Amino acid sequence: MVLKFAPTLLILAALTGCSAMFVPVISDPAKKLINAESAYDKQQRPIPAEKLIREAIQIYQQENNQLGLAEAYRQYGLARSNPKCNIFGRKCCMGKNYKQLSIEERTMIQTQLSMGMKPAAIA
């Protein structure tokens, strides 16, 4: 009798360990970010969220889409700071102290980005 259900139990056990189970495969980076937000904010599933955000970042880098890349990094920051879901619970390489940019500094950065400068050149 137990052997009758063994294959089903084996498949269920394998799928239970899969953190990205039921995450749809999509190629649009904007939709990946929407799904990532849902994964970390509503479902508390940080591993699939990180995967989707990293995939979106990679696509935006290949397309040289600066606005999309900025949105992906913004989502990454929101995910890391979300108190509901301590996404990527690993050590962070950023320092503990930071200075918030003034409106003038943010305007200057936005102007430089719109003129086609690369973020690395601005930093």
PDB file of N, CA and C in Angstrom:
ATOM      1  N   MET A   1       0.819  -1.189   0.000  1.00  0.00           N
ATOM      2  CA  MET A   1       0.000   0.000   0.000  1.00  0.00           C
ATOM      3  C   MET A   1       0.870   1.263   0.000  1.00  0.00           C
ATOM      4  N   VAL A   2       1.950   1.285   0.808  1.00  0.00           N
ATOM      5  CA  VAL A   2       2.829   2.450   0.890  1.00  0.00           C
ATOM      6  C   VAL A   2       3.551   2.672  -0.433  1.00  0.00           C
ATOM      7  N   LEU A   3       3.907   1.575  -1.108  1.00  0.00           N
ATOM      8  CA  LEU A   3       4.600   1.699  -2.385  1.00  0.00           C
ATOM      9  C   LEU A   3       3.721   2.368  -3.439  1.00  0.00           C
ATOM     10  N   LYS A   4       2.437   2.270  -3.278  1.00  0.00           N
ATOM     11  CA  LYS A   4       1.506   2.875  -4.222  1.00  0.00           C
ATOM     12  C   LYS A   4       1.634   4.407  -4.226  1.00  0.00           C
ATOM     13  N   PHE A   5       1.878   4.996  -3.064  1.00  0.00           N
ATOM     14  CA  PHE A   5       1.972   6.449  -2.948  1.00  0.00           C
ATOM     15  C   PHE A   5       3.405   6.962  -2.943  1.00  0.00           C
ATOM     16  N   ALA A   6       4.375   6.089  -3.032  1.00  0.00           N
ATOM     17  CA  ALA A   6       5.783   6.481  -2.953  1.00  0.00           C
ATOM     18  C   ALA A   6       6.175   7.503  -4.028  1.00  0.00           C
ATOM     19  N   PRO A   7       5.828   7.300  -5.297  1.00  0.00           N
ATOM     20  CA  PRO A   7       6.215   8.302  -6.306  1.00  0.00           C
ATOM     21  C   PRO A   7       5.610   9.681  -6.029  1.00  0.00           C
ATOM     22  N   THR A   8       4.354   9.694  -5.620  1.00  0.00           N
ATOM     23  CA  THR A   8       3.696  10.969  -5.330  1.00  0.00           C
ATOM     24  C   THR A   8       4.368  11.671  -4.154  1.00  0.00           C
ATOM     25  N   LEU A   9       4.672  10.912  -3.114  1.00  0.00           N
ATOM     26  CA  LEU A   9       5.336  11.495  -1.948  1.00  0.00           C
ATOM     27  C   LEU A   9       6.730  12.002  -2.294  1.00  0.00           C
ATOM     28  N   LEU A  10       7.422  11.277  -3.149  1.00  0.00           N
ATOM     29  CA  LEU A  10       8.763  11.677  -3.567  1.00  0.00           C
ATOM     30  C   LEU A  10       8.716  12.996  -4.342  1.00  0.00           C
ATOM     31  N   ILE A  11       7.765  13.128  -5.244  1.00  0.00           N
ATOM     32  CA  ILE A  11       7.623  14.362  -6.025  1.00  0.00           C
ATOM     33  C   ILE A  11       7.244  15.532  -5.118  1.00  0.00           C
ATOM     34  N   LEU A  12       6.319  15.314  -4.210  1.00  0.00           N
ATOM     35  CA  LEU A  12       5.920  16.378  -3.279  1.00  0.00           C
ATOM     36  C   LEU A  12       7.077  16.808  -2.392  1.00  0.00           C
ATOM     37  N   ALA A  13       7.878  15.863  -1.937  1.00  0.00           N
ATOM     38  CA  ALA A  13       9.026  16.193  -1.102  1.00  0.00           C
ATOM     39  C   ALA A  13      10.037  17.023  -1.880  1.00  0.00           C
ATOM     40  N   ALA A  14      10.234  16.674  -3.145  1.00  0.00           N
ATOM     41  CA  ALA A  14      11.179  17.428  -3.972  1.00  0.00           C
ATOM     42  C   ALA A  14      10.680  18.839  -4.224  1.00  0.00           C
ATOM     43  N   LEU A  15       9.395  18.986  -4.517  1.00  0.00           N
ATOM     44  CA  LEU A  15       8.839  20.308  -4.797  1.00  0.00           C
ATOM     45  C   LEU A  15       8.754  21.180  -3.554  1.00  0.00           C
ATOM     46  N   THR A  16       8.582  20.592  -2.411  1.00  0.00           N
ATOM     47  CA  THR A  16       8.503  21.368  -1.180  1.00  0.00           C
ATOM     48  C   THR A  16       9.812  22.083  -0.908  1.00  0.00           C
ATOM     49  N   GLY A  17      10.911  21.476  -1.272  1.00  0.00           N
ATOM     50  CA  GLY A  17      12.219  22.091  -1.063  1.00  0.00           C
ATOM     51  C   GLY A  17      12.557  23.140  -2.096  1.00  0.00           C
ATOM     52  N   CYS A  18      11.761  23.263  -3.120  1.00  0.00           N
ATOM     53  CA  CYS A  18      12.034  24.213  -4.195  1.00  0.00           C
ATOM     54  C   CYS A  18      11.482  25.582  -3.802  1.00  0.00           C
ATOM     55  N   SER A  19      12.373  26.529  -3.556  1.00  0.00           N
ATOM     56  CA  SER A  19      11.939  27.853  -3.093  1.00  0.00           C
ATOM     57  C   SER A  19      11.282  28.669  -4.197  1.00  0.00           C
ATOM     58  N   ALA A  20      11.596  28.355  -5.440  1.00  0.00           N
ATOM     59  CA  ALA A  20      11.036  29.131  -6.546  1.00  0.00           C
ATOM     60  C   ALA A  20       9.828  28.433  -7.168  1.00  0.00           C
ATOM     61  N   MET A  21       9.225  27.544  -6.429  1.00  0.00           N
ATOM     62  CA  MET A  21       8.059  26.831  -6.934  1.00  0.00           C
ATOM     63  C   MET A  21       6.925  27.823  -7.189  1.00  0.00           C
ATOM     64  N   PHE A  22       6.237  27.652  -8.261  1.00  0.00           N
ATOM     65  CA  PHE A  22       5.093  28.469  -8.671  1.00  0.00           C
ATOM     66  C   PHE A  22       5.484  29.895  -9.062  1.00  0.00           C
ATOM     67  N   VAL A  23       6.743  30.150  -9.365  1.00  0.00           N
ATOM     68  CA  VAL A  23       7.171  31.454  -9.880  1.00  0.00           C
ATOM     69  C   VAL A  23       7.125  31.363 -11.394  1.00  0.00           C
ATOM     70  N   PRO A  24       6.310  32.199 -12.050  1.00  0.00           N
ATOM     71  CA  PRO A  24       6.185  32.091 -13.504  1.00  0.00           C
ATOM     72  C   PRO A  24       7.468  32.509 -14.218  1.00  0.00           C
ATOM     73  N   VAL A  25       7.724  31.864 -15.345  1.00  0.00           N
ATOM     74  CA  VAL A  25       8.884  32.198 -16.164  1.00  0.00           C
ATOM     75  C   VAL A  25       8.452  33.287 -17.140  1.00  0.00           C
ATOM     76  N   ILE A  26       9.068  34.469 -17.021  1.00  0.00           N
ATOM     77  CA  ILE A  26       8.747  35.589 -17.899  1.00  0.00           C
ATOM     78  C   ILE A  26      10.038  36.252 -18.343  1.00  0.00           C
ATOM     79  N   SER A  27       9.984  36.941 -19.488  1.00  0.00           N
ATOM     80  CA  SER A  27      11.184  37.585 -20.008  1.00  0.00           C
ATOM     81  C   SER A  27      11.158  39.104 -19.855  1.00  0.00           C
ATOM     82  N   ASP A  28      10.008  39.675 -19.555  1.00  0.00           N
ATOM     83  CA  ASP A  28       9.883  41.124 -19.403  1.00  0.00           C
ATOM     84  C   ASP A  28      10.423  41.539 -18.030  1.00  0.00           C
ATOM     85  N   PRO A  29      11.496  42.354 -17.986  1.00  0.00           N
ATOM     86  CA  PRO A  29      12.077  42.715 -16.691  1.00  0.00           C
ATOM     87  C   PRO A  29      11.134  43.516 -15.798  1.00  0.00           C
ATOM     88  N   ALA A  30      10.252  44.325 -16.384  1.00  0.00           N
ATOM     89  CA  ALA A  30       9.301  45.089 -15.569  1.00  0.00           C
ATOM     90  C   ALA A  30       8.334  44.145 -14.853  1.00  0.00           C
ATOM     91  N   LYS A  31       7.893  43.111 -15.550  1.00  0.00           N
ATOM     92  CA  LYS A  31       6.999  42.129 -14.931  1.00  0.00           C
ATOM     93  C   LYS A  31       7.741  41.310 -13.878  1.00  0.00           C
ATOM     94  N   LYS A  32       9.033  41.068 -14.113  1.00  0.00           N
ATOM     95  CA  LYS A  32       9.840  40.364 -13.109  1.00  0.00           C
ATOM     96  C   LYS A  32       9.880  41.174 -11.814  1.00  0.00           C
ATOM     97  N   LEU A  33      10.008  42.488 -11.932  1.00  0.00           N
ATOM     98  CA  LEU A  33      10.051  43.338 -10.738  1.00  0.00           C
ATOM     99  C   LEU A  33       8.700  43.356 -10.026  1.00  0.00           C
ATOM    100  N   ILE A  34       7.615  43.353 -10.786  1.00  0.00           N
ATOM    101  CA  ILE A  34       6.285  43.302 -10.174  1.00  0.00           C
ATOM    102  C   ILE A  34       6.116  41.994  -9.404  1.00  0.00           C
ATOM    103  N   ASN A  35       6.527  40.898 -10.026  1.00  0.00           N
ATOM    104  CA  ASN A  35       6.428  39.598  -9.356  1.00  0.00           C
ATOM    105  C   ASN A  35       7.350  39.523  -8.145  1.00  0.00           C
ATOM    106  N   ALA A  36       8.527  40.145  -8.244  1.00  0.00           N
ATOM    107  CA  ALA A  36       9.461  40.148  -7.107  1.00  0.00           C
ATOM    108  C   ALA A  36       8.858  40.911  -5.934  1.00  0.00           C
ATOM    109  N   GLU A  37       8.231  42.047  -6.232  1.00  0.00           N
ATOM    110  CA  GLU A  37       7.606  42.819  -5.157  1.00  0.00           C
ATOM    111  C   GLU A  37       6.514  42.005  -4.462  1.00  0.00           C
ATOM    112  N   SER A  38       5.734  41.311  -5.249  1.00  0.00           N
ATOM    113  CA  SER A  38       4.699  40.462  -4.671  1.00  0.00           C
ATOM    114  C   SER A  38       5.325  39.344  -3.842  1.00  0.00           C
ATOM    115  N   ALA A  39       6.421  38.786  -4.330  1.00  0.00           N
ATOM    116  CA  ALA A  39       7.065  37.675  -3.618  1.00  0.00           C
ATOM    117  C   ALA A  39       7.604  38.111  -2.262  1.00  0.00           C
ATOM    118  N   TYR A  40       8.264  39.275  -2.200  1.00  0.00           N
ATOM    119  CA  TYR A  40       8.840  39.661  -0.903  1.00  0.00           C
ATOM    120  C   TYR A  40       7.867  40.415  -0.018  1.00  0.00           C
ATOM    121  N   ASP A  41       6.897  41.113  -0.604  1.00  0.00           N
ATOM    122  CA  ASP A  41       6.009  41.940   0.210  1.00  0.00           C
ATOM    123  C   ASP A  41       4.766  41.183   0.672  1.00  0.00           C
ATOM    124  N   LYS A  42       4.150  40.440  -0.216  1.00  0.00           N
ATOM    125  CA  LYS A  42       2.890  39.780   0.128  1.00  0.00           C
ATOM    126  C   LYS A  42       3.074  38.315   0.521  1.00  0.00           C
ATOM    127  N   GLN A  43       4.057  37.645  -0.094  1.00  0.00           N
ATOM    128  CA  GLN A  43       4.206  36.207   0.117  1.00  0.00           C
ATOM    129  C   GLN A  43       5.363  35.845   1.051  1.00  0.00           C
ATOM    130  N   GLN A  44       6.186  36.803   1.409  1.00  0.00           N
ATOM    131  CA  GLN A  44       7.375  36.565   2.242  1.00  0.00           C
ATOM    132  C   GLN A  44       8.240  35.441   1.662  1.00  0.00           C
ATOM    133  N   ARG A  45       8.560  35.561   0.381  1.00  0.00           N
ATOM    134  CA  ARG A  45       9.388  34.576  -0.309  1.00  0.00           C
ATOM    135  C   ARG A  45      10.623  35.282  -0.859  1.00  0.00           C
ATOM    136  N   PRO A  46      11.648  35.477  -0.023  1.00  0.00           N
ATOM    137  CA  PRO A  46      12.799  36.273  -0.435  1.00  0.00           C
ATOM    138  C   PRO A  46      13.670  35.648  -1.517  1.00  0.00           C
ATOM    139  N   ILE A  47      13.791  34.348  -1.547  1.00  0.00           N
ATOM    140  CA  ILE A  47      14.702  33.719  -2.515  1.00  0.00           C
ATOM    141  C   ILE A  47      14.209  33.903  -3.947  1.00  0.00           C
ATOM    142  N   PRO A  48      12.942  33.618  -4.247  1.00  0.00           N
ATOM    143  CA  PRO A  48      12.471  33.896  -5.602  1.00  0.00           C
ATOM    144  C   PRO A  48      12.502  35.389  -5.930  1.00  0.00           C
ATOM    145  N   ALA A  49      12.253  36.238  -4.935  1.00  0.00           N
ATOM    146  CA  ALA A  49      12.284  37.682  -5.171  1.00  0.00           C
ATOM    147  C   ALA A  49      13.682  38.119  -5.594  1.00  0.00           C
ATOM    148  N   GLU A  50      14.689  37.635  -4.879  1.00  0.00           N
ATOM    149  CA  GLU A  50      16.067  37.999  -5.236  1.00  0.00           C
ATOM    150  C   GLU A  50      16.399  37.525  -6.644  1.00  0.00           C
ATOM    151  N   LYS A  51      15.990  36.318  -6.976  1.00  0.00           N
ATOM    152  CA  LYS A  51      16.263  35.768  -8.306  1.00  0.00           C
ATOM    153  C   LYS A  51      15.628  36.646  -9.390  1.00  0.00           C
ATOM    154  N   LEU A  52      14.375  37.033  -9.188  1.00  0.00           N
ATOM    155  CA  LEU A  52      13.688  37.868 -10.174  1.00  0.00           C
ATOM    156  C   LEU A  52      14.337  39.244 -10.303  1.00  0.00           C
ATOM    157  N   ILE A  53      14.716  39.840  -9.179  1.00  0.00           N
ATOM    158  CA  ILE A  53      15.353  41.163  -9.224  1.00  0.00           C
ATOM    159  C   ILE A  53      16.700  41.081  -9.939  1.00  0.00           C
ATOM    160  N   ARG A  54      17.481  40.071  -9.631  1.00  0.00           N
ATOM    161  CA  ARG A  54      18.783  39.917 -10.297  1.00  0.00           C
ATOM    162  C   ARG A  54      18.622  39.685 -11.798  1.00  0.00           C
ATOM    163  N   GLU A  55      17.616  38.906 -12.195  1.00  0.00           N
ATOM    164  CA  GLU A  55      17.358  38.686 -13.623  1.00  0.00           C
ATOM    165  C   GLU A  55      16.961  39.988 -14.304  1.00  0.00           C
ATOM    166  N   ALA A  56      16.124  40.786 -13.654  1.00  0.00           N
ATOM    167  CA  ALA A  56      15.707  42.075 -14.222  1.00  0.00           C
ATOM    168  C   ALA A  56      16.914  43.000 -14.367  1.00  0.00           C
ATOM    169  N   ILE A  57      17.776  43.029 -13.352  1.00  0.00           N
ATOM    170  CA  ILE A  57      18.982  43.862 -13.424  1.00  0.00           C
ATOM    171  C   ILE A  57      19.842  43.448 -14.605  1.00  0.00           C
ATOM    172  N   GLN A  58      20.016  42.151 -14.783  1.00  0.00           N
ATOM    173  CA  GLN A  58      20.842  41.653 -15.883  1.00  0.00           C
ATOM    174  C   GLN A  58      20.256  42.050 -17.241  1.00  0.00           C
ATOM    175  N   ILE A  59      18.942  41.932 -17.401  1.00  0.00           N
ATOM    176  CA  ILE A  59      18.301  42.303 -18.664  1.00  0.00           C
ATOM    177  C   ILE A  59      18.442  43.800 -18.919  1.00  0.00           C
ATOM    178  N   TYR A  60      18.192  44.608 -17.889  1.00  0.00           N
ATOM    179  CA  TYR A  60      18.316  46.062 -18.057  1.00  0.00           C
ATOM    180  C   TYR A  60      19.753  46.459 -18.390  1.00  0.00           C
ATOM    181  N   GLN A  61      20.736  45.781 -17.827  1.00  0.00           N
ATOM    182  CA  GLN A  61      22.130  46.070 -18.154  1.00  0.00           C
ATOM    183  C   GLN A  61      22.431  45.722 -19.609  1.00  0.00           C
ATOM    184  N   GLN A  62      21.924  44.584 -20.076  1.00  0.00           N
ATOM    185  CA  GLN A  62      22.132  44.182 -21.469  1.00  0.00           C
ATOM    186  C   GLN A  62      21.466  45.158 -22.437  1.00  0.00           C
ATOM    187  N   GLU A  63      20.304  45.681 -22.050  1.00  0.00           N
ATOM    188  CA  GLU A  63      19.575  46.640 -22.890  1.00  0.00           C
ATOM    189  C   GLU A  63      20.084  48.065 -22.726  1.00  0.00           C
ATOM    190  N   ASN A  64      20.989  48.287 -21.780  1.00  0.00           N
ATOM    191  CA  ASN A  64      21.492  49.619 -21.440  1.00  0.00           C
ATOM    192  C   ASN A  64      20.335  50.553 -21.076  1.00  0.00           C
ATOM    193  N   ASN A  65      19.376  50.030 -20.337  1.00  0.00           N
ATOM    194  CA  ASN A  65      18.188  50.779 -19.923  1.00  0.00           C
ATOM    195  C   ASN A  65      18.441  51.343 -18.524  1.00  0.00           C
ATOM    196  N   GLN A  66      18.853  52.606 -18.466  1.00  0.00           N
ATOM    197  CA  GLN A  66      19.231  53.223 -17.198  1.00  0.00           C
ATOM    198  C   GLN A  66      18.032  53.402 -16.255  1.00  0.00           C
ATOM    199  N   LEU A  67      16.886  53.797 -16.792  1.00  0.00           N
ATOM    200  CA  LEU A  67      15.709  53.982 -15.936  1.00  0.00           C
ATOM    201  C   LEU A  67      15.227  52.648 -15.374  1.00  0.00           C
ATOM    202  N   GLY A  68      15.226  51.623 -16.207  1.00  0.00           N
ATOM    203  CA  GLY A  68      14.837  50.300 -15.735  1.00  0.00           C
ATOM    204  C   GLY A  68      15.799  49.780 -14.684  1.00  0.00           C
ATOM    205  N   LEU A  69      17.079  50.024 -14.909  1.00  0.00           N
ATOM    206  CA  LEU A  69      18.106  49.600 -13.951  1.00  0.00           C
ATOM    207  C   LEU A  69      17.932  50.328 -12.619  1.00  0.00           C
ATOM    208  N   ALA A  70      17.603  51.608 -12.696  1.00  0.00           N
ATOM    209  CA  ALA A  70      17.363  52.378 -11.466  1.00  0.00           C
ATOM    210  C   ALA A  70      16.170  51.809 -10.701  1.00  0.00           C
ATOM    211  N   GLU A  71      15.112  51.452 -11.415  1.00  0.00           N
ATOM    212  CA  GLU A  71      13.936  50.871 -10.771  1.00  0.00           C
ATOM    213  C   GLU A  71      14.262  49.511 -10.153  1.00  0.00           C
ATOM    214  N   ALA A  72      15.070  48.720 -10.840  1.00  0.00           N
ATOM    215  CA  ALA A  72      15.445  47.409 -10.312  1.00  0.00           C
ATOM    216  C   ALA A  72      16.261  47.559  -9.026  1.00  0.00           C
ATOM    217  N   TYR A  73      17.201  48.502  -9.027  1.00  0.00           N
ATOM    218  CA  TYR A  73      17.992  48.729  -7.816  1.00  0.00           C
ATOM    219  C   TYR A  73      17.122  49.302  -6.687  1.00  0.00           C
ATOM    220  N   ARG A  74      16.135  50.112  -7.047  1.00  0.00           N
ATOM    221  CA  ARG A  74      15.211  50.639  -6.033  1.00  0.00           C
ATOM    222  C   ARG A  74      14.423  49.487  -5.397  1.00  0.00           C
ATOM    223  N   GLN A  75      13.934  48.581  -6.238  1.00  0.00           N
ATOM    224  CA  GLN A  75      13.212  47.413  -5.734  1.00  0.00           C
ATOM    225  C   GLN A  75      14.112  46.555  -4.842  1.00  0.00           C
ATOM    226  N   TYR A  76      15.363  46.433  -5.238  1.00  0.00           N
ATOM    227  CA  TYR A  76      16.320  45.654  -4.447  1.00  0.00           C
ATOM    228  C   TYR A  76      16.486  46.288  -3.064  1.00  0.00           C
ATOM    229  N   GLY A  77      16.591  47.611  -3.028  1.00  0.00           N
ATOM    230  CA  GLY A  77      16.717  48.309  -1.754  1.00  0.00           C
ATOM    231  C   GLY A  77      15.475  48.173  -0.892  1.00  0.00           C
ATOM    232  N   LEU A  78      14.306  48.288  -1.520  1.00  0.00           N
ATOM    233  CA  LEU A  78      13.057  48.115  -0.780  1.00  0.00           C
ATOM    234  C   LEU A  78      12.945  46.698  -0.224  1.00  0.00           C
ATOM    235  N   ALA A  79      13.357  45.735  -1.010  1.00  0.00           N
ATOM    236  CA  ALA A  79      13.291  44.346  -0.561  1.00  0.00           C
ATOM    237  C   ALA A  79      14.205  44.116   0.635  1.00  0.00           C
ATOM    238  N   ARG A  80      15.394  44.713   0.579  1.00  0.00           N
ATOM    239  CA  ARG A  80      16.351  44.523   1.676  1.00  0.00           C
ATOM    240  C   ARG A  80      15.881  45.191   2.962  1.00  0.00           C
ATOM    241  N   SER A  81      15.133  46.263   2.833  1.00  0.00           N
ATOM    242  CA  SER A  81      14.725  46.995   4.029  1.00  0.00           C
ATOM    243  C   SER A  81      13.317  46.617   4.508  1.00  0.00           C
ATOM    244  N   ASN A  82      12.669  45.685   3.835  1.00  0.00           N
ATOM    245  CA  ASN A  82      11.314  45.296   4.198  1.00  0.00           C
ATOM    246  C   ASN A  82      11.321  44.547   5.533  1.00  0.00           C
ATOM    247  N   PRO A  83      10.643  45.076   6.563  1.00  0.00           N
ATOM    248  CA  PRO A  83      10.658  44.409   7.868  1.00  0.00           C
ATOM    249  C   PRO A  83       9.865  43.099   7.889  1.00  0.00           C
ATOM    250  N   LYS A  84       8.908  42.946   6.968  1.00  0.00           N
ATOM    251  CA  LYS A  84       8.118  41.717   6.927  1.00  0.00           C
ATOM    252  C   LYS A  84       8.956  40.528   6.488  1.00  0.00           C
ATOM    253  N   CYS A  85       9.880  40.792   5.610  1.00  0.00           N
ATOM    254  CA  CYS A  85      10.634  39.701   5.003  1.00  0.00           C
ATOM    255  C   CYS A  85      12.091  40.099   4.921  1.00  0.00           C
ATOM    256  N   ASN A  86      12.894  39.597   5.816  1.00  0.00           N
ATOM    257  CA  ASN A  86      14.317  39.935   5.823  1.00  0.00           C
ATOM    258  C   ASN A  86      14.988  39.258   4.642  1.00  0.00           C
ATOM    259  N   ILE A  87      14.851  39.903   3.499  1.00  0.00           N
ATOM    260  CA  ILE A  87      15.332  39.324   2.259  1.00  0.00           C
ATOM    261  C   ILE A  87      16.859  39.258   2.271  1.00  0.00           C
ATOM    262  N   PHE A  88      17.366  38.208   1.738  1.00  0.00           N
ATOM    263  CA  PHE A  88      18.805  38.001   1.610  1.00  0.00           C
ATOM    264  C   PHE A  88      19.470  38.155   2.975  1.00  0.00           C
ATOM    265  N   GLY A  89      19.076  37.378   3.934  1.00  0.00           N
ATOM    266  CA  GLY A  89      19.531  37.500   5.313  1.00  0.00           C
ATOM    267  C   GLY A  89      21.007  37.279   5.499  1.00  0.00           C
ATOM    268  N   ARG A  90      21.795  37.661   4.548  1.00  0.00           N
ATOM    269  CA  ARG A  90      23.244  37.527   4.640  1.00  0.00           C
ATOM    270  C   ARG A  90      23.849  38.835   5.107  1.00  0.00           C
ATOM    271  N   LYS A  91      25.152  38.808   5.334  1.00  0.00           N
ATOM    272  CA  LYS A  91      25.846  40.030   5.723  1.00  0.00           C
ATOM    273  C   LYS A  91      25.796  41.036   4.582  1.00  0.00           C
ATOM    274  N   CYS A  92      25.602  42.256   4.914  1.00  0.00           N
ATOM    275  CA  CYS A  92      25.565  43.323   3.919  1.00  0.00           C
ATOM    276  C   CYS A  92      26.939  43.966   3.837  1.00  0.00           C
ATOM    277  N   CYS A  93      27.353  44.292   2.640  1.00  0.00           N
ATOM    278  CA  CYS A  93      28.684  44.866   2.476  1.00  0.00           C
ATOM    279  C   CYS A  93      28.677  46.388   2.640  1.00  0.00           C
ATOM    280  N   MET A  94      27.513  47.001   2.771  1.00  0.00           N
ATOM    281  CA  MET A  94      27.442  48.458   2.921  1.00  0.00           C
ATOM    282  C   MET A  94      27.705  48.855   4.368  1.00  0.00           C
ATOM    283  N   GLY A  95      28.208  50.041   4.552  1.00  0.00           N
ATOM    284  CA  GLY A  95      28.454  50.547   5.889  1.00  0.00           C
ATOM    285  C   GLY A  95      27.162  50.852   6.621  1.00  0.00           C
ATOM    286  N   LYS A  96      27.264  51.040   7.901  1.00  0.00           N
ATOM    287  CA  LYS A  96      26.078  51.314   8.714  1.00  0.00           C
ATOM    288  C   LYS A  96      25.659  52.780   8.642  1.00  0.00           C
ATOM    289  N   ASN A  97      26.611  53.667   8.407  1.00  0.00           N
ATOM    290  CA  ASN A  97      26.318  55.103   8.370  1.00  0.00           C
ATOM    291  C   ASN A  97      26.331  55.594   6.926  1.00  0.00           C
ATOM    292  N   TYR A  98      25.361  56.390   6.582  1.00  0.00           N
ATOM    293  CA  TYR A  98      25.318  56.985   5.253  1.00  0.00           C
ATOM    294  C   TYR A  98      24.639  58.333   5.325  1.00  0.00           C
ATOM    295  N   LYS A  99      24.923  59.169   4.344  1.00  0.00           N
ATOM    296  CA  LYS A  99      24.358  60.511   4.292  1.00  0.00           C
ATOM    297  C   LYS A  99      23.329  60.547   3.172  1.00  0.00           C
ATOM    298  N   GLN A 100      22.150  61.046   3.472  1.00  0.00           N
ATOM    299  CA  GLN A 100      21.109  61.154   2.465  1.00  0.00           C
ATOM    300  C   GLN A 100      21.447  62.298   1.521  1.00  0.00           C
ATOM    301  N   LEU A 101      21.197  62.099   0.227  1.00  0.00           N
ATOM    302  CA  LEU A 101      21.486  63.123  -0.767  1.00  0.00           C
ATOM    303  C   LEU A 101      20.500  64.277  -0.650  1.00  0.00           C
ATOM    304  N   SER A 102      21.007  65.473  -0.882  1.00  0.00           N
ATOM    305  CA  SER A 102      20.130  66.646  -0.883  1.00  0.00           C
ATOM    306  C   SER A 102      19.355  66.691  -2.201  1.00  0.00           C
ATOM    307  N   ILE A 103      18.365  67.553  -2.278  1.00  0.00           N
ATOM    308  CA  ILE A 103      17.569  67.687  -3.501  1.00  0.00           C
ATOM    309  C   ILE A 103      18.443  68.165  -4.656  1.00  0.00           C
ATOM    310  N   GLU A 104      19.432  69.015  -4.349  1.00  0.00           N
ATOM    311  CA  GLU A 104      20.333  69.500  -5.387  1.00  0.00           C
ATOM    312  C   GLU A 104      21.184  68.365  -5.943  1.00  0.00           C
ATOM    313  N   GLU A 105      21.700  67.519  -5.049  1.00  0.00           N
ATOM    314  CA  GLU A 105      22.530  66.392  -5.486  1.00  0.00           C
ATOM    315  C   GLU A 105      21.704  65.402  -6.311  1.00  0.00           C
ATOM    316  N   ARG A 106      20.475  65.135  -5.885  1.00  0.00           N
ATOM    317  CA  ARG A 106      19.620  64.219  -6.635  1.00  0.00           C
ATOM    318  C   ARG A 106      19.270  64.785  -8.004  1.00  0.00           C
ATOM    319  N   THR A 107      19.014  66.105  -8.064  1.00  0.00           N
ATOM    320  CA  THR A 107      18.714  66.745  -9.344  1.00  0.00           C
ATOM    321  C   THR A 107      19.900  66.660 -10.288  1.00  0.00           C
ATOM    322  N   MET A 108      21.100  66.884  -9.752  1.00  0.00           N
ATOM    323  CA  MET A 108      22.317  66.807 -10.564  1.00  0.00           C
ATOM    324  C   MET A 108      22.499  65.388 -11.117  1.00  0.00           C
ATOM    325  N   ILE A 109      22.290  64.391 -10.295  1.00  0.00           N
ATOM    326  CA  ILE A 109      22.440  63.003 -10.746  1.00  0.00           C
ATOM    327  C   ILE A 109      21.407  62.677 -11.822  1.00  0.00           C
ATOM    328  N   GLN A 110      20.154  63.081 -11.612  1.00  0.00           N
ATOM    329  CA  GLN A 110      19.105  62.814 -12.592  1.00  0.00           C
ATOM    330  C   GLN A 110      19.414  63.508 -13.915  1.00  0.00           C
ATOM    331  N   THR A 111      19.919  64.733 -13.854  1.00  0.00           N
ATOM    332  CA  THR A 111      20.279  65.467 -15.074  1.00  0.00           C
ATOM    333  C   THR A 111      21.391  64.747 -15.816  1.00  0.00           C
ATOM    334  N   GLN A 112      22.406  64.307 -15.085  1.00  0.00           N
ATOM    335  CA  GLN A 112      23.517  63.606 -15.719  1.00  0.00           C
ATOM    336  C   GLN A 112      23.068  62.287 -16.339  1.00  0.00           C
ATOM    337  N   LEU A 113      22.180  61.569 -15.675  1.00  0.00           N
ATOM    338  CA  LEU A 113      21.667  60.317 -16.234  1.00  0.00           C
ATOM    339  C   LEU A 113      20.864  60.576 -17.503  1.00  0.00           C
ATOM    340  N   SER A 114      20.038  61.628 -17.492  1.00  0.00           N
ATOM    341  CA  SER A 114      19.222  61.939 -18.674  1.00  0.00           C
ATOM    342  C   SER A 114      20.081  62.410 -19.840  1.00  0.00           C
ATOM    343  N   MET A 115      21.280  62.907 -19.556  1.00  0.00           N
ATOM    344  CA  MET A 115      22.202  63.327 -20.606  1.00  0.00           C
ATOM    345  C   MET A 115      23.004  62.142 -21.152  1.00  0.00           C
ATOM    346  N   GLY A 116      22.785  60.959 -20.573  1.00  0.00           N
ATOM    347  CA  GLY A 116      23.432  59.763 -21.113  1.00  0.00           C
ATOM    348  C   GLY A 116      24.673  59.315 -20.354  1.00  0.00           C
ATOM    349  N   MET A 117      24.994  59.980 -19.262  1.00  0.00           N
ATOM    350  CA  MET A 117      26.167  59.561 -18.491  1.00  0.00           C
ATOM    351  C   MET A 117      25.878  58.238 -17.796  1.00  0.00           C
ATOM    352  N   LYS A 118      26.907  57.441 -17.657  1.00  0.00           N
ATOM    353  CA  LYS A 118      26.797  56.166 -16.953  1.00  0.00           C
ATOM    354  C   LYS A 118      26.861  56.405 -15.454  1.00  0.00           C
ATOM    355  N   PRO A 119      26.129  55.590 -14.663  1.00  0.00           N
ATOM    356  CA  PRO A 119      26.168  55.751 -13.214  1.00  0.00           C
ATOM    357  C   PRO A 119      27.580  55.654 -12.634  1.00  0.00           C
ATOM    358  N   ALA A 120      28.405  54.798 -13.202  1.00  0.00           N
ATOM    359  CA  ALA A 120      29.772  54.659 -12.705  1.00  0.00           C
ATOM    360  C   ALA A 120      30.580  55.944 -12.919  1.00  0.00           C
ATOM    361  N   ALA A 121      30.301  56.649 -14.019  1.00  0.00           N
ATOM    362  CA  ALA A 121      31.008  57.905 -14.290  1.00  0.00           C
ATOM    363  C   ALA A 121      30.563  58.998 -13.342  1.00  0.00           C
ATOM    364  N   ILE A 122      29.290  58.955 -12.937  1.00  0.00           N
ATOM    365  CA  ILE A 122      28.761  59.961 -12.017  1.00  0.00           C
ATOM    366  C   ILE A 122      29.326  59.747 -10.624  1.00  0.00           C
ATOM    367  N   ALA A 123      29.411  58.493 -10.214  1.00  0.00           N
ATOM    368  CA  ALA A 123      29.913  58.179  -8.870  1.00  0.00           C
ATOM    369  C   ALA A 123      31.373  58.523  -8.796  1.00  0.00           C
TER     370      ALA A 123
END
